[in-house]
C-alpha atoms as a PDB file:
ATOM      1  CA  MET A   1     -50.768  11.246  22.160  1.00  0.00           C
ATOM      2  CA  ALA A   2     -48.966  14.275  23.931  1.00  0.00           C
ATOM      3  CA  TYR A   3     -45.686  14.039  24.659  1.00  0.00           C
ATOM      4  CA  SER A   4     -43.821  15.572  27.894  1.00  0.00           C
ATOM      5  CA  GLY A   5     -40.852  17.878  28.146  1.00  0.00           C
ATOM      6  CA  SER A   6     -38.448  15.428  29.126  1.00  0.00           C
ATOM      7  CA  GLU A   7     -39.842  13.072  26.014  1.00  0.00           C
ATOM      8  CA  HIS A   8     -38.918  15.886  23.564  1.00  0.00           C
ATOM      9  CA  ARG A   9     -35.649  16.097  25.204  1.00  0.00           C
ATOM     10  CA  LEU A  10     -34.611  12.498  25.302  1.00  0.00           C
ATOM     11  CA  ASN A  11     -35.971  12.191  21.499  1.00  0.00           C
ATOM     12  CA  ARG A  12     -33.919  15.281  20.616  1.00  0.00           C
ATOM     13  CA  ILE A  13     -30.750  13.631  22.861  1.00  0.00           C
ATOM     14  CA  THR A  14     -31.302  10.192  20.652  1.00  0.00           C
ATOM     15  CA  LEU A  15     -31.501  12.020  17.179  1.00  0.00           C
ATOM     16  CA  LEU A  16     -28.174  13.612  18.038  1.00  0.00           C
ATOM     17  CA  MET A  17     -26.364  10.386  18.599  1.00  0.00           C
ATOM     18  CA  LEU A  18     -27.553   9.043  15.728  1.00  0.00           C
ATOM     19  CA  PHE A  19     -26.528  12.345  13.626  1.00  0.00           C
ATOM     20  CA  SER A  20     -23.250  12.079  15.229  1.00  0.00           C
ATOM     21  CA  LEU A  21     -22.729   7.987  14.703  1.00  0.00           C
ATOM     22  CA  LEU A  22     -23.746   8.345  10.953  1.00  0.00           C
ATOM     23  CA  LEU A  23     -21.505  11.300  11.106  1.00  0.00           C
ATOM     24  CA  ALA A  24     -18.446   9.540  12.446  1.00  0.00           C
ATOM     25  CA  LEU A  25     -19.041   7.083  10.023  1.00  0.00           C
ATOM     26  CA  GLY A  26     -18.508   8.599   7.352  1.00  0.00           C
ATOM     27  CA  SER A  27     -15.916  10.927   7.886  1.00  0.00           C
ATOM     28  CA  PRO A  28     -12.637  10.584   6.503  1.00  0.00           C
ATOM     29  CA  GLY A  29     -10.708   9.267   9.070  1.00  0.00           C
ATOM     30  CA  CYS A  30     -12.804   6.357   9.447  1.00  0.00           C
ATOM     31  CA  ASN A  31     -12.635   5.765   5.756  1.00  0.00           C
ATOM     32  CA  ARG A  32      -8.999   6.812   4.677  1.00  0.00           C
ATOM     33  CA  SER A  33      -8.408   3.656   3.379  1.00  0.00           C
ATOM     34  CA  ARG A  34     -11.617   3.336   1.175  1.00  0.00           C
ATOM     35  CA  PRO A  35      -9.574   4.015  -1.839  1.00  0.00           C
ATOM     36  CA  PHE A  36      -7.991   0.629  -1.820  1.00  0.00           C
ATOM     37  CA  GLU A  37     -10.950  -1.475  -0.887  1.00  0.00           C
ATOM     38  CA  GLY A  38     -11.280  -2.037  -4.639  1.00  0.00           C
ATOM     39  CA  TYR A  39      -7.991  -4.330  -4.714  1.00  0.00           C
ATOM     40  CA  ASN A  40      -9.459  -7.422  -4.480  1.00  0.00           C
ATOM     41  CA  GLY A  41     -10.370 -10.649  -6.077  1.00  0.00           C
ATOM     42  CA  ASN A  42     -12.033  -9.186  -9.194  1.00  0.00           C
ATOM     43  CA  TRP A  43      -9.036  -6.681  -9.422  1.00  0.00           C
ATOM     44  CA  TRP A  44      -6.629  -9.279  -9.235  1.00  0.00           C
ATOM     45  CA  LYS A  45      -8.582 -11.523 -11.969  1.00  0.00           C
ATOM     46  CA  TYR A  46      -8.318  -8.516 -14.498  1.00  0.00           C
ATOM     47  CA  THR A  47      -5.238  -7.065 -13.763  1.00  0.00           C
ATOM     48  CA  PRO A  48      -1.976  -7.715 -16.243  1.00  0.00           C
ATOM     49  CA  GLN A  49       0.663  -9.914 -15.236  1.00  0.00           C
ATOM     50  CA  ASP A  50       3.271  -7.160 -14.605  1.00  0.00           C
ATOM     51  CA  GLN A  51       0.954  -5.380 -12.648  1.00  0.00           C
ATOM     52  CA  LYS A  52       0.233  -7.989 -10.037  1.00  0.00           C
ATOM     53  CA  LEU A  53       3.994  -8.467  -9.817  1.00  0.00           C
ATOM     54  CA  GLY A  54       4.385  -4.984  -9.517  1.00  0.00           C
ATOM     55  CA  PHE A  55       1.824  -4.655  -6.561  1.00  0.00           C
ATOM     56  CA  ILE A  56       3.482  -7.841  -4.792  1.00  0.00           C
ATOM     57  CA  GLU A  57       6.883  -6.153  -5.071  1.00  0.00           C
ATOM     58  CA  GLY A  58       5.248  -2.707  -3.763  1.00  0.00           C
ATOM     59  CA  PHE A  59       3.964  -4.756  -0.701  1.00  0.00           C
ATOM     60  CA  VAL A  60       6.457  -6.718  -0.021  1.00  0.00           C
ATOM     61  CA  ALA A  61       8.985  -3.605  -0.270  1.00  0.00           C
ATOM     62  CA  PHE A  62       7.031  -1.561   2.192  1.00  0.00           C
ATOM     63  CA  ASN A  63       7.278  -4.924   4.914  1.00  0.00           C
ATOM     64  CA  SER A  64      10.977  -5.277   4.007  1.00  0.00           C
ATOM     65  CA  ASP A  65      12.423  -1.686   4.346  1.00  0.00           C
ATOM     66  CA  GLY A  66      10.161  -0.293   6.024  1.00  0.00           C
ATOM     67  CA  CYS A  67      10.429  -0.365  10.093  1.00  0.00           C
ATOM     68  CA  ARG A  68       7.219   1.012  10.988  1.00  0.00           C
ATOM     69  CA  LYS A  69       5.597  -2.732  10.999  1.00  0.00           C
ATOM     70  CA  GLU A  70       5.800  -5.329  13.769  1.00  0.00           C
ATOM     71  CA  LEU A  71       6.658  -7.787  11.267  1.00  0.00           C
ATOM     72  CA  ARG A  72       8.740  -7.905   8.023  1.00  0.00           C
ATOM     73  CA  LEU A  73       7.986  -9.757   4.927  1.00  0.00           C
ATOM     74  CA  CYS A  74      10.601 -11.805   3.719  1.00  0.00           C
ATOM     75  CA  ALA A  75       9.896 -13.011   0.607  1.00  0.00           C
ATOM     76  CA  ASP A  76       9.720 -12.064  -3.458  1.00  0.00           C
ATOM     77  CA  LYS A  77       6.986 -11.900  -6.061  1.00  0.00           C
ATOM     78  CA  ASN A  78       7.962 -14.961  -7.475  1.00  0.00           C
ATOM     79  CA  GLU A  79       7.008 -16.821  -4.457  1.00  0.00           C
ATOM     80  CA  LEU A  80       4.059 -14.601  -3.579  1.00  0.00           C
ATOM     81  CA  GLU A  81       1.848 -14.178  -6.860  1.00  0.00           C
ATOM     82  CA  PRO A  82       1.267 -17.534  -7.658  1.00  0.00           C
ATOM     83  CA  ALA A  83       0.244 -18.411  -3.640  1.00  0.00           C
ATOM     84  CA  VAL A  84      -2.176 -15.673  -4.230  1.00  0.00           C
ATOM     85  CA  SER A  85      -3.412 -16.357  -7.994  1.00  0.00           C
ATOM     86  CA  SER A  86      -4.079 -19.930  -6.286  1.00  0.00           C
ATOM     87  CA  TYR A  87      -6.059 -18.562  -3.507  1.00  0.00           C
ATOM     88  CA  TYR A  88      -8.854 -16.746  -5.568  1.00  0.00           C
ATOM     89  CA  GLU A  89      -8.791 -20.042  -8.256  1.00  0.00           C
ATOM     90  CA  LYS A  90      -9.717 -21.896  -5.175  1.00  0.00           C
ATOM     91  CA  GLN A  91     -11.605 -19.760  -3.024  1.00  0.00           C
ATOM     92  CA  VAL A  92     -14.055 -18.609  -5.482  1.00  0.00           C
ATOM     93  CA  ASP A  93     -16.077 -17.071  -2.509  1.00  0.00           C
ATOM     94  CA  GLU A  94     -13.830 -14.892  -1.620  1.00  0.00           C
ATOM     95  CA  GLU A  95     -13.578 -12.560  -4.512  1.00  0.00           C
ATOM     96  CA  SER A  96     -14.282  -9.455  -1.889  1.00  0.00           C
ATOM     97  CA  THR A  97     -11.211 -10.661  -0.104  1.00  0.00           C
ATOM     98  CA  LEU A  98      -8.395  -7.915  -0.444  1.00  0.00           C
ATOM     99  CA  VAL A  99      -4.995  -8.959  -1.906  1.00  0.00           C
ATOM    100  CA  VAL A 100      -3.016  -7.523   0.667  1.00  0.00           C
ATOM    101  CA  GLU A 101      -4.652  -9.972   3.098  1.00  0.00           C
ATOM    102  CA  VAL A 102      -4.570 -12.750   0.401  1.00  0.00           C
ATOM    103  CA  ILE A 103      -0.590 -11.671   0.721  1.00  0.00           C
ATOM    104  CA  ARG A 104      -0.331 -11.775   3.992  1.00  0.00           C
ATOM    105  CA  ARG A 105      -1.808 -15.156   4.521  1.00  0.00           C
ATOM    106  CA  ALA A 106       0.095 -17.004   1.827  1.00  0.00           C
ATOM    107  CA  ALA A 107       3.276 -15.635   3.260  1.00  0.00           C
ATOM    108  CA  LYS A 108       2.418 -16.556   7.091  1.00  0.00           C
ATOM    109  CA  ALA A 109       1.345 -20.095   5.478  1.00  0.00           C
ATOM    110  CA  ALA A 110       4.535 -20.198   3.800  1.00  0.00           C
ATOM    111  CA  GLY A 111       6.575 -19.110   6.923  1.00  0.00           C
ATOM    112  CA  MET A 112       7.682 -15.735   5.284  1.00  0.00           C
ATOM    113  CA  LEU A 113       6.913 -13.411   8.138  1.00  0.00           C
ATOM    114  CA  ALA A 114       9.534 -12.774  10.548  1.00  0.00           C
ATOM    115  CA  SER A 115      10.046 -10.606  13.373  1.00  0.00           C
ATOM    116  CA  PRO A 116      12.433  -7.519  13.023  1.00  0.00           C
ATOM    117  CA  GLU A 117      15.230  -9.112  15.430  1.00  0.00           C
ATOM    118  CA  SER A 118      15.201 -12.181  13.500  1.00  0.00           C
ATOM    119  CA  GLU A 119      18.460 -13.024  10.935  1.00  0.00           C
ATOM    120  CA  ILE A 120      16.225 -14.190   8.483  1.00  0.00           C
ATOM    121  CA  ALA A 121      14.933 -10.325   7.804  1.00  0.00           C
ATOM    122  CA  THR A 122      18.268  -8.617   8.576  1.00  0.00           C
ATOM    123  CA  THR A 123      19.900 -10.758   6.047  1.00  0.00           C
ATOM    124  CA  ASP A 124      17.720 -11.929   3.427  1.00  0.00           C
ATOM    125  CA  GLN A 125      18.329 -10.551  -0.175  1.00  0.00           C
ATOM    126  CA  SER A 126      15.560 -11.931  -1.540  1.00  0.00           C
ATOM    127  CA  THR A 127      13.390  -8.852  -1.745  1.00  0.00           C
ATOM    128  CA  GLY A 128      15.712  -6.645  -4.103  1.00  0.00           C
ATOM    129  CA  SER A 129      16.838  -3.401  -3.778  1.00  0.00           C
ATOM    130  CA  PHE A 130      14.193  -1.311  -4.610  1.00  0.00           C
ATOM    131  CA  ASP A 131      15.763   1.827  -5.439  1.00  0.00           C
ATOM    132  CA  GLY A 132      15.884   3.621  -8.544  1.00  0.00           C
ATOM    133  CA  GLN A 133      17.716   1.568 -10.553  1.00  0.00           C
ATOM    134  CA  ALA A 134      15.402  -1.093 -10.093  1.00  0.00           C
ATOM    135  CA  TRP A 135      12.498   1.152 -11.103  1.00  0.00           C
ATOM    136  CA  LEU A 136      14.150   1.922 -14.396  1.00  0.00           C
ATOM    137  CA  LYS A 137      13.862  -1.449 -15.263  1.00  0.00           C
ATOM    138  CA  TYR A 138      10.440  -1.839 -14.530  1.00  0.00           C
ATOM    139  CA  SER A 139       7.751  -1.952 -17.289  1.00  0.00           C
ATOM    140  CA  ALA A 140       5.105   0.858 -16.913  1.00  0.00           C
ATOM    141  CA  LYS A 141       2.441  -1.376 -15.731  1.00  0.00           C
ATOM    142  CA  LYS A 142       4.955  -3.020 -12.898  1.00  0.00           C
ATOM    143  CA  ARG A 143       5.805   0.612 -11.808  1.00  0.00           C
ATOM    144  CA  LEU A 144       2.235   0.678 -11.584  1.00  0.00           C
ATOM    145  CA  GLY A 145       1.631  -1.890  -9.561  1.00  0.00           C
ATOM    146  CA  PHE A 146       4.603  -0.843  -7.547  1.00  0.00           C
ATOM    147  CA  VAL A 147       3.184   2.088  -6.088  1.00  0.00           C
ATOM    148  CA  GLU A 148      -0.500   0.485  -5.528  1.00  0.00           C
ATOM    149  CA  GLY A 149       0.923  -2.274  -3.598  1.00  0.00           C
ATOM    150  CA  TYR A 150       3.104   0.524  -1.412  1.00  0.00           C
ATOM    151  CA  LEU A 151       0.268   2.103  -0.898  1.00  0.00           C
ATOM    152  CA  ASN A 152      -2.197  -0.730   0.394  1.00  0.00           C
ATOM    153  CA  ALA A 153       0.505  -1.447   2.670  1.00  0.00           C
ATOM    154  CA  LEU A 154       1.356   1.801   3.639  1.00  0.00           C
ATOM    155  CA  MET A 155      -2.023   3.860   4.530  1.00  0.00           C
ATOM    156  CA  PRO A 156      -3.979   1.613   6.964  1.00  0.00           C
ATOM    157  CA  GLN A 157       0.012   2.222   9.386  1.00  0.00           C
ATOM    158  CA  THR A 158      -0.423   5.999   8.779  1.00  0.00           C
ATOM    159  CA  SER A 159      -2.152   8.536  10.613  1.00  0.00           C
ATOM    160  CA  GLN A 160      -5.298  10.166   9.285  1.00  0.00           C
ATOM    161  CA  ALA A 161      -3.214  13.443   8.155  1.00  0.00           C
ATOM    162  CA  VAL A 162      -1.044  11.104   6.004  1.00  0.00           C
ATOM    163  CA  LYS A 163      -2.605  11.455   2.486  1.00  0.00           C
ATOM    164  CA  PHE A 164      -1.499  10.411  -0.953  1.00  0.00           C
ATOM    165  CA  PRO A 165      -4.632  12.337  -2.674  1.00  0.00           C
ATOM    166  CA  LYS A 166      -3.678  11.742  -6.635  1.00  0.00           C
ATOM    167  CA  GLY A 167      -4.044   8.422  -8.597  1.00  0.00           C
ATOM    168  CA  PRO A 168      -1.420   5.742  -8.654  1.00  0.00           C
ATOM    169  CA  GLU A 169      -0.230   6.872 -12.025  1.00  0.00           C
ATOM    170  CA  TYR A 170       0.280  10.489 -10.878  1.00  0.00           C
ATOM    171  CA  TYR A 171       2.910   8.728  -8.514  1.00  0.00           C
ATOM    172  CA  ALA A 172       4.541   6.308 -10.718  1.00  0.00           C
ATOM    173  CA  ASN A 173       5.083   8.897 -13.666  1.00  0.00           C
ATOM    174  CA  ALA A 174       6.454  11.088 -10.676  1.00  0.00           C
ATOM    175  CA  LEU A 175       9.056   8.411  -9.527  1.00  0.00           C
ATOM    176  CA  THR A 176       9.792   7.989 -13.050  1.00  0.00           C
ATOM    177  CA  GLY A 177      10.734  11.680 -13.219  1.00  0.00           C
ATOM    178  CA  PHE A 178      12.230  11.734 -10.252  1.00  0.00           C
ATOM    179  CA  TYR A 179      15.017   9.132 -11.269  1.00  0.00           C
ATOM    180  CA  THR A 180      15.001  10.301 -14.854  1.00  0.00           C
ATOM    181  CA  VAL A 181      15.600  13.818 -14.521  1.00  0.00           C
ATOM    182  CA  PRO A 182      19.257  14.785 -14.606  1.00  0.00           C
ATOM    183  CA  PRO A 183      20.639  17.343 -11.530  1.00  0.00           C
ATOM    184  CA  ALA A 184      20.632  20.645 -12.025  1.00  0.00           C
ATOM    185  CA  GLY A 185      23.959  22.104 -13.140  1.00  0.00           C
ATOM    186  CA  ASN A 186      27.439  20.008 -13.594  1.00  0.00           C
ATOM    187  CA  ALA A 187      26.738  18.108 -10.605  1.00  0.00           C
ATOM    188  CA  PRO A 188      29.182  15.478 -10.576  1.00  0.00           C
ATOM    189  CA  ASP A 189      28.326  11.510 -11.682  1.00  0.00           C
ATOM    190  CA  ASP A 190      28.224  10.408  -7.774  1.00  0.00           C
ATOM    191  CA  THR A 191      25.063  12.763  -7.391  1.00  0.00           C
ATOM    192  CA  ARG A 192      23.240  11.320 -10.129  1.00  0.00           C
ATOM    193  CA  GLN A 193      24.327   7.368  -8.364  1.00  0.00           C
ATOM    194  CA  ASN A 194      22.951   9.303  -5.031  1.00  0.00           C
ATOM    195  CA  ILE A 195      19.251   9.807  -6.690  1.00  0.00           C
ATOM    196  CA  LEU A 196      19.402   6.133  -8.161  1.00  0.00           C
ATOM    197  CA  ASP A 197      20.221   4.887  -4.726  1.00  0.00           C
ATOM    198  CA  ARG A 198      17.318   6.356  -2.946  1.00  0.00           C
ATOM    199  CA  LYS A 199      14.517   3.823  -1.999  1.00  0.00           C
ATOM    200  CA  ILE A 200      11.637   3.960  -4.177  1.00  0.00           C
ATOM    201  CA  GLY A 201       9.320   4.231  -0.627  1.00  0.00           C
ATOM    202  CA  GLU A 202      11.668   6.661   0.347  1.00  0.00           C
ATOM    203  CA  VAL A 203      10.784   8.905  -2.333  1.00  0.00           C
ATOM    204  CA  LEU A 204       7.311   8.326  -2.422  1.00  0.00           C
ATOM    205  CA  TRP A 205       6.904   9.007   1.223  1.00  0.00           C
ATOM    206  CA  SER A 206       8.450  12.270   0.355  1.00  0.00           C
ATOM    207  CA  MET A 207       5.257  13.051  -1.866  1.00  0.00           C
ATOM    208  CA  ARG A 208       2.459  12.582   0.984  1.00  0.00           C
ATOM    209  CA  ASN A 209      -0.096  15.649   0.923  1.00  0.00           C
ATOM    210  CA  GLN A 210       1.245  16.996  -2.355  1.00  0.00           C
ATOM    211  CA  ARG A 211      -1.939  18.911  -3.792  1.00  0.00           C
END
């Protein structure tokens, strides 16, 4: 069957539209959170306990220290870890649900979410300090989990220009190096203390886009 010129043009336009759609779906911007899709029920099931606790602390740290969220999470790992584990144990068909989503559901169900203006969000101390002194007390697995939890909370909230291209292990080691390497020269003790007082999230954020 012969095609007219207008039909050929229509077919080309249709193909171009389909090609553009496929490009958009496969672009880095649309998939910037894809590296975190593996943090689901299956990951939770086979992850060491210390790493799970670190993951929750990292997630809570972002939502309690960070001011980029409409809601702040006022909770700690001791409240949320059992809730997350219980969810996956009871909801066996929800294994593909991301851990961060389960944490949000658990926090909401327990009334742990508060607006930034609320009293609990500004005065609650159960979330911990999340600074260098806390970091140095963490085990290696807990440090890794903290980075994973923090980045899982952070990345969907940032622009496409913000990237953490290296693996969580790299950033965990880099944070340890930051907090343990003595200040250059004969710096006074308070300089060392200032380093330990810096928030983990603040230091981690400074490592963005580094190759």
